Amino acid sequence: MLYSLPVPEESGFSTLIGNVGKLKFWGHEFSINSHNIVGTFNWSTNFNISFSDNRVLALSDLSNQLVAYSGIVSTISRVGGRIGQFYGMVQDGIYVNQSDYDQSPKAVDSQVGTIKFHDVNDDKQITYGDDESGDKAEIGNPLPKFTFGLTNNFEYKNFDLTIVATGTYGNKIAAAVEQGMANLDGPFNVMKEVKDRWRSPDNPGAGLYGKTTSGTSRERDIFHSRFVYDGSNLTIKNITLGYTLPANLIKFVSRLRVYASVQQAFVFSKYKYGNPEVGVDFNGNSPGALLQGIDYSTYPVPRTFTFGLNINF
């Protein structure tokens, strides 16, 4: 496992590439090709599915875990676990009233009406450290349990139709875009769910968003489970419909086909921000292996319509 490590800048460099551990990857791929109907009407299908998993076998002698960061999002790779797991606090609601506040573990800056985190290490207080003294936990796997693709081809007389679909299942997405879209600590426009925030002990809201007074920024600046969404999706990548004119219809042309297609026709996903095919770091660059599945307002894949003409002489 090659990783960029910090070194004293007196050496003339800020980092060096070191071999800090060992990883194990394995998986299975299956493909099925079928001719479902053969005749005047033809229908064929290609289906493929890929399962994969991994384990961290060893890290350097310095630690049994490696924590990586991109903005507020952090991931952890532990010996015996998977690489790049989302790593953060677990939200337990909001301190709805004084009684709830008094009876619950709390951080030094907690208040009635602010976010309440789970006491993972059961020490009766909330701390944000990355080691076992803190209350962070693995809160999602950005890597899918499986990916799949499906292509159907149809032919009837001179017409042809192709439908291509792809998808993933079991992966999570860290919607880091919500750090700004749910910012209650300033004069910002926010998403509509924030209207159901904590307002008073008699009007505690839905238990996801706290009060708006200054100094209550923990719920946006600490990565936690509310940022993590289901990233499973099915995307209709392409639909193409074509018609081939009879060969003897036009002189000097052996084949003429007209077609229309649409790319990114439909996306079926529970992910609320439109594009489950995320993958940029805090600076807008392609992420490294340890920082997958992060959405810093990833630009959506456009839906494209194409009309064309194929001519063979």
C-alpha atoms as a PDB file:
ATOM      1  CA  MET A   1       0.000   0.000   0.000  1.00  0.00           C
ATOM      2  CA  LEU A   2       1.742   3.160  -1.235  1.00  0.00           C
ATOM      3  CA  TYR A   3       0.768   6.357   0.561  1.00  0.00           C
ATOM      4  CA  SER A   4       1.996   9.947   0.735  1.00  0.00           C
ATOM      5  CA  LEU A   5       3.590  10.543   4.145  1.00  0.00           C
ATOM      6  CA  PRO A   6       4.580  13.901   5.684  1.00  0.00           C
ATOM      7  CA  VAL A   7       8.262  14.476   6.408  1.00  0.00           C
ATOM      8  CA  PRO A   8      10.120  17.412   8.018  1.00  0.00           C
ATOM      9  CA  GLU A   9      10.425  20.176   5.430  1.00  0.00           C
ATOM     10  CA  GLU A  10      14.055  20.636   6.458  1.00  0.00           C
ATOM     11  CA  SER A  11      14.654  17.629   4.216  1.00  0.00           C
ATOM     12  CA  GLY A  12      13.733  19.743   1.198  1.00  0.00           C
ATOM     13  CA  PHE A  13      10.429  17.894   0.718  1.00  0.00           C
ATOM     14  CA  SER A  14       7.033  18.035   2.410  1.00  0.00           C
ATOM     15  CA  THR A  15       6.008  14.430   1.676  1.00  0.00           C
ATOM     16  CA  LEU A  16       7.383  11.139   0.433  1.00  0.00           C
ATOM     17  CA  ILE A  17       5.771   7.995  -0.906  1.00  0.00           C
ATOM     18  CA  GLY A  18       6.055   5.138   1.549  1.00  0.00           C
ATOM     19  CA  ASN A  19       4.928   1.523   1.579  1.00  0.00           C
ATOM     20  CA  VAL A  20       2.742   1.612   4.663  1.00  0.00           C
ATOM     21  CA  GLY A  21       0.814  -1.632   4.492  1.00  0.00           C
ATOM     22  CA  LYS A  22      -0.688  -4.596   2.694  1.00  0.00           C
ATOM     23  CA  LEU A  23      -4.147  -4.947   1.148  1.00  0.00           C
ATOM     24  CA  LYS A  24      -6.131  -7.898  -0.150  1.00  0.00           C
ATOM     25  CA  PHE A  25      -8.672  -7.554  -2.944  1.00  0.00           C
ATOM     26  CA  TRP A  26     -10.919 -10.238  -4.374  1.00  0.00           C
ATOM     27  CA  GLY A  27     -14.071 -10.479  -6.416  1.00  0.00           C
ATOM     28  CA  HIS A  28     -16.177 -12.358  -8.945  1.00  0.00           C
ATOM     29  CA  GLU A  29     -17.573 -11.310 -12.289  1.00  0.00           C
ATOM     30  CA  PHE A  30     -20.383 -13.029 -14.172  1.00  0.00           C
ATOM     31  CA  SER A  31     -21.746 -12.405 -17.638  1.00  0.00           C
ATOM     32  CA  ILE A  32     -24.797 -13.880 -19.370  1.00  0.00           C
ATOM     33  CA  ASN A  33     -25.572 -13.484 -23.068  1.00  0.00           C
ATOM     34  CA  SER A  34     -28.943 -14.706 -24.266  1.00  0.00           C
ATOM     35  CA  HIS A  35     -31.003 -14.752 -27.477  1.00  0.00           C
ATOM     36  CA  ASN A  36     -34.474 -14.487 -26.002  1.00  0.00           C
ATOM     37  CA  ILE A  37     -36.484 -14.343 -29.229  1.00  0.00           C
ATOM     38  CA  VAL A  38     -35.244 -15.228 -32.731  1.00  0.00           C
ATOM     39  CA  GLY A  39     -37.304 -14.644 -35.875  1.00  0.00           C
ATOM     40  CA  THR A  40     -39.006 -11.686 -37.491  1.00  0.00           C
ATOM     41  CA  PHE A  41     -38.705 -10.059 -34.108  1.00  0.00           C
ATOM     42  CA  ASN A  42     -35.312 -10.517 -32.401  1.00  0.00           C
ATOM     43  CA  TRP A  43     -34.445  -9.808 -28.802  1.00  0.00           C
ATOM     44  CA  SER A  44     -31.005 -10.418 -27.271  1.00  0.00           C
ATOM     45  CA  THR A  45     -29.668  -9.533 -23.822  1.00  0.00           C
ATOM     46  CA  ASN A  46     -26.257  -9.083 -22.240  1.00  0.00           C
ATOM     47  CA  PHE A  47     -26.098  -8.976 -18.446  1.00  0.00           C
ATOM     48  CA  ASN A  48     -22.973  -8.605 -16.327  1.00  0.00           C
ATOM     49  CA  ILE A  49     -22.466  -8.272 -12.595  1.00  0.00           C
ATOM     50  CA  SER A  50     -19.335  -7.788 -10.534  1.00  0.00           C
ATOM     51  CA  PHE A  51     -18.843  -8.444  -6.810  1.00  0.00           C
ATOM     52  CA  SER A  52     -15.749  -7.201  -4.992  1.00  0.00           C
ATOM     53  CA  ASP A  53     -14.434  -6.723  -1.477  1.00  0.00           C
ATOM     54  CA  ASN A  54     -11.186  -5.923   0.291  1.00  0.00           C
ATOM     55  CA  ARG A  55      -9.354  -6.110   3.608  1.00  0.00           C
ATOM     56  CA  VAL A  56      -6.475  -4.218   5.158  1.00  0.00           C
ATOM     57  CA  LEU A  57      -3.974  -6.921   6.157  1.00  0.00           C
ATOM     58  CA  ALA A  58      -1.285  -4.739   7.686  1.00  0.00           C
ATOM     59  CA  LEU A  59      -0.232  -1.132   8.228  1.00  0.00           C
ATOM     60  CA  SER A  60       3.011   0.385   9.399  1.00  0.00           C
ATOM     61  CA  ASP A  61       4.297  -0.188  12.917  1.00  0.00           C
ATOM     62  CA  LEU A  62       3.199   3.343  13.851  1.00  0.00           C
ATOM     63  CA  SER A  63      -0.551   2.634  13.948  1.00  0.00           C
ATOM     64  CA  ASN A  64      -3.200   0.010  13.208  1.00  0.00           C
ATOM     65  CA  GLN A  65      -5.391   2.582  11.440  1.00  0.00           C
ATOM     66  CA  LEU A  66      -5.052   5.243   8.768  1.00  0.00           C
ATOM     67  CA  VAL A  67      -7.394   8.269   8.716  1.00  0.00           C
ATOM     68  CA  ALA A  68      -7.719  10.339   5.518  1.00  0.00           C
ATOM     69  CA  TYR A  69      -9.465  13.693   5.079  1.00  0.00           C
ATOM     70  CA  SER A  70     -11.164  15.691   2.332  1.00  0.00           C
ATOM     71  CA  GLY A  71     -12.647  18.875   3.778  1.00  0.00           C
ATOM     72  CA  ILE A  72     -14.917  17.829   6.628  1.00  0.00           C
ATOM     73  CA  VAL A  73     -15.204  14.225   5.393  1.00  0.00           C
ATOM     74  CA  SER A  74     -12.915  11.634   6.941  1.00  0.00           C
ATOM     75  CA  THR A  75     -12.400   7.957   6.210  1.00  0.00           C
ATOM     76  CA  ILE A  76     -10.639   5.232   8.135  1.00  0.00           C
ATOM     77  CA  SER A  77      -8.748   2.125   7.076  1.00  0.00           C
ATOM     78  CA  ARG A  78      -8.203  -0.320   9.935  1.00  0.00           C
ATOM     79  CA  VAL A  79      -6.265  -3.571  10.005  1.00  0.00           C
ATOM     80  CA  GLY A  80      -8.846  -6.314   9.534  1.00  0.00           C
ATOM     81  CA  GLY A  81     -11.407  -3.925   8.033  1.00  0.00           C
ATOM     82  CA  ARG A  82     -12.150  -2.416   4.640  1.00  0.00           C
ATOM     83  CA  ILE A  83     -10.275   0.518   3.194  1.00  0.00           C
ATOM     84  CA  GLY A  84     -11.707   4.034   3.120  1.00  0.00           C
ATOM     85  CA  GLN A  85     -14.764   3.615   5.344  1.00  0.00           C
ATOM     86  CA  PHE A  86     -16.629   6.814   6.226  1.00  0.00           C
ATOM     87  CA  TYR A  87     -15.546   7.791   9.720  1.00  0.00           C
ATOM     88  CA  GLY A  88     -17.423  10.265  11.863  1.00  0.00           C
ATOM     89  CA  MET A  89     -19.860  10.916  14.667  1.00  0.00           C
ATOM     90  CA  VAL A  90     -23.260   9.228  14.966  1.00  0.00           C
ATOM     91  CA  GLN A  91     -26.186  11.617  15.390  1.00  0.00           C
ATOM     92  CA  ASP A  92     -28.596  10.768  18.203  1.00  0.00           C
ATOM     93  CA  GLY A  93     -30.974  13.627  17.536  1.00  0.00           C
ATOM     94  CA  ILE A  94     -31.064  17.011  19.285  1.00  0.00           C
ATOM     95  CA  TYR A  95     -30.951  17.967  22.969  1.00  0.00           C
ATOM     96  CA  VAL A  96     -34.666  18.722  22.950  1.00  0.00           C
ATOM     97  CA  ASN A  97     -34.977  20.192  26.462  1.00  0.00           C
ATOM     98  CA  GLN A  98     -33.081  20.725  29.708  1.00  0.00           C
ATOM     99  CA  SER A  99     -33.965  17.291  31.074  1.00  0.00           C
ATOM    100  CA  ASP A 100     -32.663  15.585  27.926  1.00  0.00           C
ATOM    101  CA  TYR A 101     -29.509  17.692  28.106  1.00  0.00           C
ATOM    102  CA  ASP A 102     -28.882  16.891  31.785  1.00  0.00           C
ATOM    103  CA  GLN A 103     -29.340  13.129  31.334  1.00  0.00           C
ATOM    104  CA  SER A 104     -27.321  12.713  28.133  1.00  0.00           C
ATOM    105  CA  PRO A 105     -23.577  12.584  27.415  1.00  0.00           C
ATOM    106  CA  LYS A 106     -22.465  15.928  26.018  1.00  0.00           C
ATOM    107  CA  ALA A 107     -19.495  17.807  24.620  1.00  0.00           C
ATOM    108  CA  VAL A 108     -18.018  20.913  26.242  1.00  0.00           C
ATOM    109  CA  ASP A 109     -19.836  23.135  23.731  1.00  0.00           C
ATOM    110  CA  SER A 110     -23.196  21.325  23.726  1.00  0.00           C
ATOM    111  CA  GLN A 111     -26.374  23.286  24.516  1.00  0.00           C
ATOM    112  CA  VAL A 112     -30.093  22.646  24.688  1.00  0.00           C
ATOM    113  CA  GLY A 113     -31.206  22.717  21.057  1.00  0.00           C
ATOM    114  CA  THR A 114     -27.869  21.638  19.531  1.00  0.00           C
ATOM    115  CA  ILE A 115     -26.978  18.348  17.867  1.00  0.00           C
ATOM    116  CA  LYS A 116     -26.598  15.277  20.104  1.00  0.00           C
ATOM    117  CA  PHE A 117     -23.997  12.647  19.199  1.00  0.00           C
ATOM    118  CA  HIS A 118     -23.849   9.016  20.299  1.00  0.00           C
ATOM    119  CA  ASP A 119     -21.452   8.122  23.116  1.00  0.00           C
ATOM    120  CA  VAL A 120     -19.642   5.390  21.165  1.00  0.00           C
ATOM    121  CA  ASN A 121     -17.004   4.547  23.797  1.00  0.00           C
ATOM    122  CA  ASP A 122     -19.521   4.824  26.664  1.00  0.00           C
ATOM    123  CA  ASP A 123     -17.425   7.194  28.795  1.00  0.00           C
ATOM    124  CA  LYS A 124     -20.403   9.524  29.490  1.00  0.00           C
ATOM    125  CA  GLN A 125     -18.960  12.410  27.477  1.00  0.00           C
ATOM    126  CA  ILE A 126     -18.705  13.369  23.815  1.00  0.00           C
ATOM    127  CA  THR A 127     -15.257  13.941  22.290  1.00  0.00           C
ATOM    128  CA  TYR A 128     -14.166  14.216  18.687  1.00  0.00           C
ATOM    129  CA  GLY A 129     -10.761  12.488  18.594  1.00  0.00           C
ATOM    130  CA  ASP A 130      -9.827  10.013  15.879  1.00  0.00           C
ATOM    131  CA  ASP A 131      -8.488   7.376  18.301  1.00  0.00           C
ATOM    132  CA  GLU A 132     -10.365   5.175  20.752  1.00  0.00           C
ATOM    133  CA  SER A 133     -10.647   8.035  23.241  1.00  0.00           C
ATOM    134  CA  GLY A 134     -13.076   9.766  20.851  1.00  0.00           C
ATOM    135  CA  ASP A 135     -16.604   8.866  19.787  1.00  0.00           C
ATOM    136  CA  LYS A 136     -16.154   8.505  16.047  1.00  0.00           C
ATOM    137  CA  ALA A 137     -17.290   5.307  14.337  1.00  0.00           C
ATOM    138  CA  GLU A 138     -17.488   3.759  10.887  1.00  0.00           C
ATOM    139  CA  ILE A 139     -20.687   5.205   9.414  1.00  0.00           C
ATOM    140  CA  GLY A 140     -20.789   3.875   5.851  1.00  0.00           C
ATOM    141  CA  ASN A 141     -19.023   2.020   3.060  1.00  0.00           C
ATOM    142  CA  PRO A 142     -18.546   4.087  -0.126  1.00  0.00           C
ATOM    143  CA  LEU A 143     -17.722   0.979  -2.153  1.00  0.00           C
ATOM    144  CA  PRO A 144     -20.683  -0.920  -3.660  1.00  0.00           C
ATOM    145  CA  LYS A 145     -21.410  -4.538  -2.819  1.00  0.00           C
ATOM    146  CA  PHE A 146     -21.837  -5.069  -6.547  1.00  0.00           C
ATOM    147  CA  THR A 147     -22.042  -3.217  -9.842  1.00  0.00           C
ATOM    148  CA  PHE A 148     -24.014  -4.368 -12.862  1.00  0.00           C
ATOM    149  CA  GLY A 149     -24.837  -3.631 -16.478  1.00  0.00           C
ATOM    150  CA  LEU A 150     -27.689  -4.679 -18.750  1.00  0.00           C
ATOM    151  CA  THR A 151     -27.983  -4.254 -22.509  1.00  0.00           C
ATOM    152  CA  ASN A 152     -31.088  -5.225 -24.490  1.00  0.00           C
ATOM    153  CA  ASN A 153     -31.129  -5.241 -28.300  1.00  0.00           C
ATOM    154  CA  PHE A 154     -34.385  -5.434 -30.265  1.00  0.00           C
ATOM    155  CA  GLU A 155     -34.871  -5.786 -34.017  1.00  0.00           C
ATOM    156  CA  TYR A 156     -38.100  -5.818 -36.004  1.00  0.00           C
ATOM    157  CA  LYS A 157     -37.917  -5.663 -39.765  1.00  0.00           C
ATOM    158  CA  ASN A 158     -35.929  -2.478 -40.441  1.00  0.00           C
ATOM    159  CA  PHE A 159     -36.214  -1.061 -36.939  1.00  0.00           C
ATOM    160  CA  ASP A 160     -33.645  -1.513 -34.172  1.00  0.00           C
ATOM    161  CA  LEU A 161     -33.723  -0.480 -30.533  1.00  0.00           C
ATOM    162  CA  THR A 162     -30.926  -0.658 -27.937  1.00  0.00           C
ATOM    163  CA  ILE A 163     -31.328   0.061 -24.217  1.00  0.00           C
ATOM    164  CA  VAL A 164     -28.254   0.167 -21.959  1.00  0.00           C
ATOM    165  CA  ALA A 165     -28.507   0.278 -18.159  1.00  0.00           C
ATOM    166  CA  THR A 166     -25.890   0.300 -15.383  1.00  0.00           C
ATOM    167  CA  GLY A 167     -26.034   0.521 -11.625  1.00  0.00           C
ATOM    168  CA  THR A 168     -24.554  -0.069  -8.193  1.00  0.00           C
ATOM    169  CA  TYR A 169     -25.897  -1.510  -4.955  1.00  0.00           C
ATOM    170  CA  GLY A 170     -24.858  -1.109  -1.335  1.00  0.00           C
ATOM    171  CA  ASN A 171     -22.626   1.962  -1.556  1.00  0.00           C
ATOM    172  CA  LYS A 172     -22.991   5.083   0.573  1.00  0.00           C
ATOM    173  CA  ILE A 173     -22.443   8.722  -0.388  1.00  0.00           C
ATOM    174  CA  ALA A 174     -21.104  11.473   1.868  1.00  0.00           C
ATOM    175  CA  ALA A 175     -23.101  14.567   0.874  1.00  0.00           C
ATOM    176  CA  ALA A 176     -20.488  17.082   1.997  1.00  0.00           C
ATOM    177  CA  VAL A 177     -22.424  19.675   0.003  1.00  0.00           C
ATOM    178  CA  GLU A 178     -24.741  19.885   3.025  1.00  0.00           C
ATOM    179  CA  GLN A 179     -22.039  21.628   5.030  1.00  0.00           C
ATOM    180  CA  GLY A 180     -23.150  24.768   3.207  1.00  0.00           C
ATOM    181  CA  MET A 181     -26.744  23.849   2.374  1.00  0.00           C
ATOM    182  CA  ALA A 182     -27.608  23.199   6.029  1.00  0.00           C
ATOM    183  CA  ASN A 183     -25.513  25.993   7.527  1.00  0.00           C
ATOM    184  CA  LEU A 184     -27.560  27.438  10.398  1.00  0.00           C
ATOM    185  CA  ASP A 185     -24.791  29.656  11.717  1.00  0.00           C
ATOM    186  CA  GLY A 186     -25.141  32.644   9.393  1.00  0.00           C
ATOM    187  CA  PRO A 187     -27.280  34.478   6.804  1.00  0.00           C
ATOM    188  CA  PHE A 188     -27.348  31.686   4.216  1.00  0.00           C
ATOM    189  CA  ASN A 189     -29.981  30.125   2.025  1.00  0.00           C
ATOM    190  CA  VAL A 190     -30.564  26.525   3.109  1.00  0.00           C
ATOM    191  CA  MET A 191     -32.456  23.450   1.950  1.00  0.00           C
ATOM    192  CA  LYS A 192     -36.127  23.129   2.818  1.00  0.00           C
ATOM    193  CA  GLU A 193     -35.679  20.370   5.438  1.00  0.00           C
ATOM    194  CA  VAL A 194     -34.043  22.910   7.741  1.00  0.00           C
ATOM    195  CA  LYS A 195     -37.376  24.631   8.317  1.00  0.00           C
ATOM    196  CA  ASP A 196     -38.291  21.700  10.585  1.00  0.00           C
ATOM    197  CA  ARG A 197     -35.421  22.509  12.972  1.00  0.00           C
ATOM    198  CA  TRP A 198     -35.358  22.864  16.747  1.00  0.00           C
ATOM    199  CA  ARG A 199     -36.998  26.138  17.771  1.00  0.00           C
ATOM    200  CA  SER A 200     -37.866  25.566  21.435  1.00  0.00           C
ATOM    201  CA  PRO A 201     -38.483  22.703  23.913  1.00  0.00           C
ATOM    202  CA  ASP A 202     -42.152  22.906  22.922  1.00  0.00           C
ATOM    203  CA  ASN A 203     -41.312  22.889  19.189  1.00  0.00           C
ATOM    204  CA  PRO A 204     -38.269  20.575  18.797  1.00  0.00           C
ATOM    205  CA  GLY A 205     -38.787  19.850  15.093  1.00  0.00           C
ATOM    206  CA  ALA A 206     -37.839  16.570  13.423  1.00  0.00           C
ATOM    207  CA  GLY A 207     -34.727  16.003  15.518  1.00  0.00           C
ATOM    208  CA  LEU A 208     -32.237  16.463  12.669  1.00  0.00           C
ATOM    209  CA  TYR A 209     -31.415  20.184  12.742  1.00  0.00           C
ATOM    210  CA  GLY A 210     -30.677  22.293  15.788  1.00  0.00           C
ATOM    211  CA  LYS A 211     -31.139  25.904  16.761  1.00  0.00           C
ATOM    212  CA  THR A 212     -29.803  28.829  14.761  1.00  0.00           C
ATOM    213  CA  THR A 213     -28.008  30.905  17.390  1.00  0.00           C
ATOM    214  CA  SER A 214     -24.341  31.708  16.774  1.00  0.00           C
ATOM    215  CA  GLY A 215     -21.702  29.291  17.975  1.00  0.00           C
ATOM    216  CA  THR A 216     -23.777  26.186  17.207  1.00  0.00           C
ATOM    217  CA  SER A 217     -21.801  25.040  14.182  1.00  0.00           C
ATOM    218  CA  ARG A 218     -20.897  21.520  15.309  1.00  0.00           C
ATOM    219  CA  GLU A 219     -23.683  19.938  13.301  1.00  0.00           C
ATOM    220  CA  ARG A 220     -22.226  21.321  10.071  1.00  0.00           C
ATOM    221  CA  ASP A 221     -18.480  21.289  10.796  1.00  0.00           C
ATOM    222  CA  ILE A 222     -18.221  17.810  12.329  1.00  0.00           C
ATOM    223  CA  PHE A 223     -18.700  14.971   9.838  1.00  0.00           C
ATOM    224  CA  HIS A 224     -21.483  12.720  11.089  1.00  0.00           C
ATOM    225  CA  SER A 225     -24.096  10.185  10.042  1.00  0.00           C
ATOM    226  CA  ARG A 226     -26.643  12.739   8.808  1.00  0.00           C
ATOM    227  CA  PHE A 227     -24.333  13.480   5.868  1.00  0.00           C
ATOM    228  CA  VAL A 228     -24.377   9.832   4.712  1.00  0.00           C
ATOM    229  CA  TYR A 229     -26.951   8.647   2.147  1.00  0.00           C
ATOM    230  CA  ASP A 230     -27.742   5.484   0.229  1.00  0.00           C
ATOM    231  CA  GLY A 231     -25.968   5.643  -3.141  1.00  0.00           C
ATOM    232  CA  SER A 232     -27.525   2.588  -4.796  1.00  0.00           C
ATOM    233  CA  ASN A 233     -28.815   3.434  -8.242  1.00  0.00           C
ATOM    234  CA  LEU A 234     -30.040   2.202 -11.605  1.00  0.00           C
ATOM    235  CA  THR A 235     -29.248   4.463 -14.558  1.00  0.00           C
ATOM    236  CA  ILE A 236     -30.600   4.088 -18.086  1.00  0.00           C
ATOM    237  CA  LYS A 237     -27.400   5.156 -19.813  1.00  0.00           C
ATOM    238  CA  ASN A 238     -28.526   5.049 -23.417  1.00  0.00           C
ATOM    239  CA  ILE A 239     -31.624   4.482 -25.539  1.00  0.00           C
ATOM    240  CA  THR A 240     -31.107   4.362 -29.290  1.00  0.00           C
ATOM    241  CA  LEU A 241     -33.840   3.863 -31.887  1.00  0.00           C
ATOM    242  CA  GLY A 242     -32.888   3.409 -35.531  1.00  0.00           C
ATOM    243  CA  TYR A 243     -34.470   2.682 -38.899  1.00  0.00           C
ATOM    244  CA  THR A 244     -32.586   1.264 -41.901  1.00  0.00           C
ATOM    245  CA  LEU A 245     -34.029   2.104 -45.316  1.00  0.00           C
ATOM    246  CA  PRO A 246     -34.385  -0.747 -47.832  1.00  0.00           C
ATOM    247  CA  ALA A 247     -31.150  -1.280 -49.786  1.00  0.00           C
ATOM    248  CA  ASN A 248     -32.724  -0.786 -53.232  1.00  0.00           C
ATOM    249  CA  LEU A 249     -34.505   2.446 -52.353  1.00  0.00           C
ATOM    250  CA  ILE A 250     -31.646   4.872 -53.104  1.00  0.00           C
ATOM    251  CA  LYS A 251     -29.125   4.466 -55.949  1.00  0.00           C
ATOM    252  CA  PHE A 252     -25.395   4.509 -55.117  1.00  0.00           C
ATOM    253  CA  VAL A 253     -26.151   3.884 -51.424  1.00  0.00           C
ATOM    254  CA  SER A 254     -25.758   0.362 -50.060  1.00  0.00           C
ATOM    255  CA  ARG A 255     -27.139   1.194 -46.605  1.00  0.00           C
ATOM    256  CA  LEU A 256     -28.800   4.231 -45.038  1.00  0.00           C
ATOM    257  CA  ARG A 257     -29.817   4.313 -41.381  1.00  0.00           C
ATOM    258  CA  VAL A 258     -31.374   7.151 -39.405  1.00  0.00           C
ATOM    259  CA  TYR A 259     -31.364   7.086 -35.634  1.00  0.00           C
ATOM    260  CA  ALA A 260     -32.101   9.038 -32.473  1.00  0.00           C
ATOM    261  CA  SER A 261     -30.580   8.447 -29.054  1.00  0.00           C
ATOM    262  CA  VAL A 262     -30.666   9.836 -25.543  1.00  0.00           C
ATOM    263  CA  GLN A 263     -27.809   9.540 -23.063  1.00  0.00           C
ATOM    264  CA  GLN A 264     -28.476   9.459 -19.303  1.00  0.00           C
ATOM    265  CA  ALA A 265     -32.168   8.984 -19.991  1.00  0.00           C
ATOM    266  CA  PHE A 266     -33.322   8.092 -16.445  1.00  0.00           C
ATOM    267  CA  VAL A 267     -31.731   7.806 -13.003  1.00  0.00           C
ATOM    268  CA  PHE A 268     -33.488   5.758 -10.315  1.00  0.00           C
ATOM    269  CA  SER A 269     -31.954   6.448  -6.909  1.00  0.00           C
ATOM    270  CA  LYS A 270     -32.862   7.485  -3.382  1.00  0.00           C
ATOM    271  CA  TYR A 271     -29.961   9.934  -3.388  1.00  0.00           C
ATOM    272  CA  LYS A 272     -31.559  13.368  -3.045  1.00  0.00           C
ATOM    273  CA  TYR A 273     -28.969  15.426  -4.940  1.00  0.00           C
ATOM    274  CA  GLY A 274     -29.557  13.999  -8.378  1.00  0.00           C
ATOM    275  CA  ASN A 275     -26.207  12.511  -9.352  1.00  0.00           C
ATOM    276  CA  PRO A 276     -25.201   9.335  -7.477  1.00  0.00           C
ATOM    277  CA  GLU A 277     -22.103   9.002  -9.687  1.00  0.00           C
ATOM    278  CA  VAL A 278     -20.093  11.235  -7.380  1.00  0.00           C
ATOM    279  CA  GLY A 279     -16.373  11.446  -6.882  1.00  0.00           C
ATOM    280  CA  VAL A 280     -14.495  14.706  -6.303  1.00  0.00           C
ATOM    281  CA  ASP A 281     -12.445  15.817  -3.327  1.00  0.00           C
ATOM    282  CA  PHE A 282     -12.645  19.129  -1.464  1.00  0.00           C
ATOM    283  CA  ASN A 283     -10.577  20.865  -4.166  1.00  0.00           C
ATOM    284  CA  GLY A 284     -12.608  19.469  -7.070  1.00  0.00           C
ATOM    285  CA  ASN A 285      -9.992  16.887  -8.050  1.00  0.00           C
ATOM    286  CA  SER A 286     -10.411  13.171  -8.644  1.00  0.00           C
ATOM    287  CA  PRO A 287     -10.292  11.457  -5.248  1.00  0.00           C
ATOM    288  CA  GLY A 288      -7.702   8.979  -4.077  1.00  0.00           C
ATOM    289  CA  ALA A 289      -8.477   5.381  -3.202  1.00  0.00           C
ATOM    290  CA  LEU A 290      -9.142   6.269   0.444  1.00  0.00           C
ATOM    291  CA  LEU A 291     -11.628   9.057  -0.312  1.00  0.00           C
ATOM    292  CA  GLN A 292     -14.332   7.553  -2.501  1.00  0.00           C
ATOM    293  CA  GLY A 293     -18.038   8.445  -2.611  1.00  0.00           C
ATOM    294  CA  ILE A 294     -17.798  12.105  -1.583  1.00  0.00           C
ATOM    295  CA  ASP A 295     -20.136  14.708  -3.071  1.00  0.00           C
ATOM    296  CA  TYR A 296     -18.827  18.262  -2.977  1.00  0.00           C
ATOM    297  CA  SER A 297     -21.538  19.432  -5.396  1.00  0.00           C
ATOM    298  CA  THR A 298     -20.489  17.063  -8.160  1.00  0.00           C
ATOM    299  CA  TYR A 299     -21.668  18.354 -11.547  1.00  0.00           C
ATOM    300  CA  PRO A 300     -24.552  16.202 -12.824  1.00  0.00           C
ATOM    301  CA  VAL A 301     -24.139  13.974 -15.847  1.00  0.00           C
ATOM    302  CA  PRO A 302     -26.044  15.799 -18.627  1.00  0.00           C
ATOM    303  CA  ARG A 303     -28.923  14.253 -20.542  1.00  0.00           C
ATOM    304  CA  THR A 304     -27.949  14.420 -24.212  1.00  0.00           C
ATOM    305  CA  PHE A 305     -30.167  13.961 -27.263  1.00  0.00           C
ATOM    306  CA  THR A 306     -28.576  12.949 -30.564  1.00  0.00           C
ATOM    307  CA  PHE A 307     -29.988  12.559 -34.065  1.00  0.00           C
ATOM    308  CA  GLY A 308     -27.844  10.969 -36.747  1.00  0.00           C
ATOM    309  CA  LEU A 309     -27.545   9.488 -40.198  1.00  0.00           C
ATOM    310  CA  ASN A 310     -25.326   6.558 -41.259  1.00  0.00           C
ATOM    311  CA  ILE A 311     -24.625   6.155 -44.978  1.00  0.00           C
ATOM    312  CA  ASN A 312     -22.653   3.338 -46.611  1.00  0.00           C
ATOM    313  CA  PHE A 313     -21.769   3.627 -50.301  1.00  0.00           C
END
